[in-house]
Amino acid sequence: MGRAPRSLTTRGGFGRPTFYERYIMTPQEVRAARYALGMTQDQLANALRMGCDGKRAVRRWEAGDRSISGPASVAIEFMLVAADCIKTGKGVFADYQPENGN
């Protein structure tokens, strides 16, 4: 995972990564995840229920202009796991069938 802004990494000089540094996706990881899911920026924003300005937020995450939120990062990782389970036929989502064939 990438480096967080300096203001979020100060931990009293212990040199250990913060929670933010360990678990928040980098701009490159957001873009790679979106490509792996086969989604456009607009589709990812809609999947995350981000509202009318969601595409702009996704674009800013990928450009590195804005840090992705923890919940959005977790949701994207969950989507990747679910997609992999469906594709491989293994795991808790292996038998998932979309409603109406979508």
Protein backbone atom coordinates (compact mmCIF):
# COMPACT_ATOMS: atom_id res chain seq x y z
CA MET A 1 0.00 0.00 0.00
CA GLY A 2 1.08 3.57 -0.54
CA ARG A 3 2.27 6.28 1.76
CA ALA A 4 -0.20 8.51 3.55
CA PRO A 5 0.12 12.27 3.77
CA ARG A 6 2.77 13.28 6.32
CA SER A 7 0.19 14.67 8.75
CA LEU A 8 -1.32 11.18 9.10
CA THR A 9 1.93 9.28 9.58
CA THR A 10 3.45 10.85 12.66
CA ARG A 11 3.49 8.28 15.46
CA GLY A 12 5.90 9.70 17.95
CA GLY A 13 8.96 8.64 15.96
CA PHE A 14 8.48 4.87 16.32
CA GLY A 15 8.75 4.33 12.57
CA ARG A 16 5.83 1.89 12.44
CA PRO A 17 3.21 2.31 9.73
CA THR A 18 -0.07 3.79 10.88
CA PHE A 19 -3.43 2.13 10.38
CA TYR A 20 -3.99 4.52 7.49
CA GLU A 21 -0.78 3.46 5.75
CA ARG A 22 -1.52 -0.26 6.08
CA TYR A 23 -5.12 -0.36 4.91
CA ILE A 24 -5.95 2.52 2.58
CA MET A 25 -5.61 1.93 -1.16
CA THR A 26 -3.18 3.98 -3.24
CA PRO A 27 -4.30 5.74 -6.44
CA GLN A 28 -2.64 2.98 -8.49
CA GLU A 29 -4.46 0.29 -6.53
CA VAL A 30 -7.82 2.02 -7.01
CA ARG A 31 -7.29 2.18 -10.77
CA ALA A 32 -6.03 -1.43 -10.95
CA ALA A 33 -9.04 -2.62 -8.92
CA ARG A 34 -11.45 -0.75 -11.17
CA TYR A 35 -9.84 -2.29 -14.27
CA ALA A 36 -9.93 -5.76 -12.67
CA LEU A 37 -13.64 -5.30 -12.00
CA GLY A 38 -14.18 -4.18 -15.60
CA MET A 39 -15.82 -0.93 -14.53
CA THR A 40 -15.70 2.66 -15.68
CA GLN A 41 -15.23 5.41 -13.11
CA ASP A 42 -18.96 6.13 -13.28
CA GLN A 43 -19.87 2.47 -12.77
CA LEU A 44 -17.57 2.18 -9.74
CA ALA A 45 -19.07 5.33 -8.24
CA ASN A 46 -22.58 3.92 -8.77
CA ALA A 47 -21.60 0.56 -7.26
CA LEU A 48 -20.32 2.42 -4.18
CA ARG A 49 -23.57 4.47 -4.03
CA MET A 50 -21.63 7.73 -4.19
CA GLY A 51 -24.35 9.91 -5.66
CA CYS A 52 -24.28 12.47 -8.46
CA ASP A 53 -20.67 13.61 -7.93
CA GLY A 54 -19.25 10.11 -7.44
CA LYS A 55 -17.43 9.89 -10.77
CA ARG A 56 -15.49 13.02 -9.89
CA ALA A 57 -14.45 11.52 -6.54
CA VAL A 58 -13.24 8.31 -8.21
CA ARG A 59 -11.30 10.37 -10.75
CA ARG A 60 -9.69 12.35 -7.92
CA TRP A 61 -8.77 9.13 -6.04
CA GLU A 62 -7.07 7.74 -9.12
CA ALA A 63 -5.23 11.01 -9.78
CA GLY A 64 -4.02 11.14 -6.18
CA ASP A 65 -5.76 14.47 -5.59
CA ARG A 66 -7.89 13.02 -2.81
CA SER A 67 -7.38 10.09 -0.44
CA ILE A 68 -9.88 7.27 -0.68
CA SER A 69 -11.98 6.77 2.45
CA GLY A 70 -11.56 3.67 4.55
CA PRO A 71 -15.09 2.38 3.91
CA ALA A 72 -14.74 2.87 0.14
CA SER A 73 -11.39 1.07 0.18
CA VAL A 74 -12.90 -1.87 2.08
CA ALA A 75 -15.90 -1.98 -0.27
CA ILE A 76 -13.67 -2.11 -3.36
CA GLU A 77 -11.56 -4.90 -1.84
CA PHE A 78 -14.74 -6.79 -1.00
CA MET A 79 -15.96 -6.40 -4.59
CA LEU A 80 -12.65 -7.84 -5.81
CA VAL A 81 -12.94 -10.85 -3.51
CA ALA A 82 -16.56 -11.46 -4.53
CA ALA A 83 -15.69 -11.19 -8.24
CA ASP A 84 -12.81 -13.64 -7.81
CA CYS A 85 -15.03 -16.15 -5.98
CA ILE A 86 -17.65 -15.97 -8.71
CA LYS A 87 -15.04 -16.31 -11.46
CA THR A 88 -13.18 -19.24 -9.87
CA GLY A 89 -16.23 -20.98 -8.46
CA LYS A 90 -14.64 -21.12 -5.01
CA GLY A 91 -15.54 -19.33 -1.81
CA VAL A 92 -18.64 -17.96 -0.23
CA PHE A 93 -19.87 -16.21 -3.40
CA ALA A 94 -19.21 -19.13 -5.75
CA ASP A 95 -22.91 -19.91 -6.25
CA TYR A 96 -24.01 -16.30 -6.67
CA GLN A 97 -26.41 -15.71 -9.53
CA PRO A 98 -27.33 -12.10 -10.34
CA GLU A 99 -31.03 -11.27 -10.36
CA ASN A 100 -32.60 -10.95 -13.82
CA GLY A 101 -29.41 -12.29 -15.43
CA ASN A 102 -27.48 -9.05 -14.84
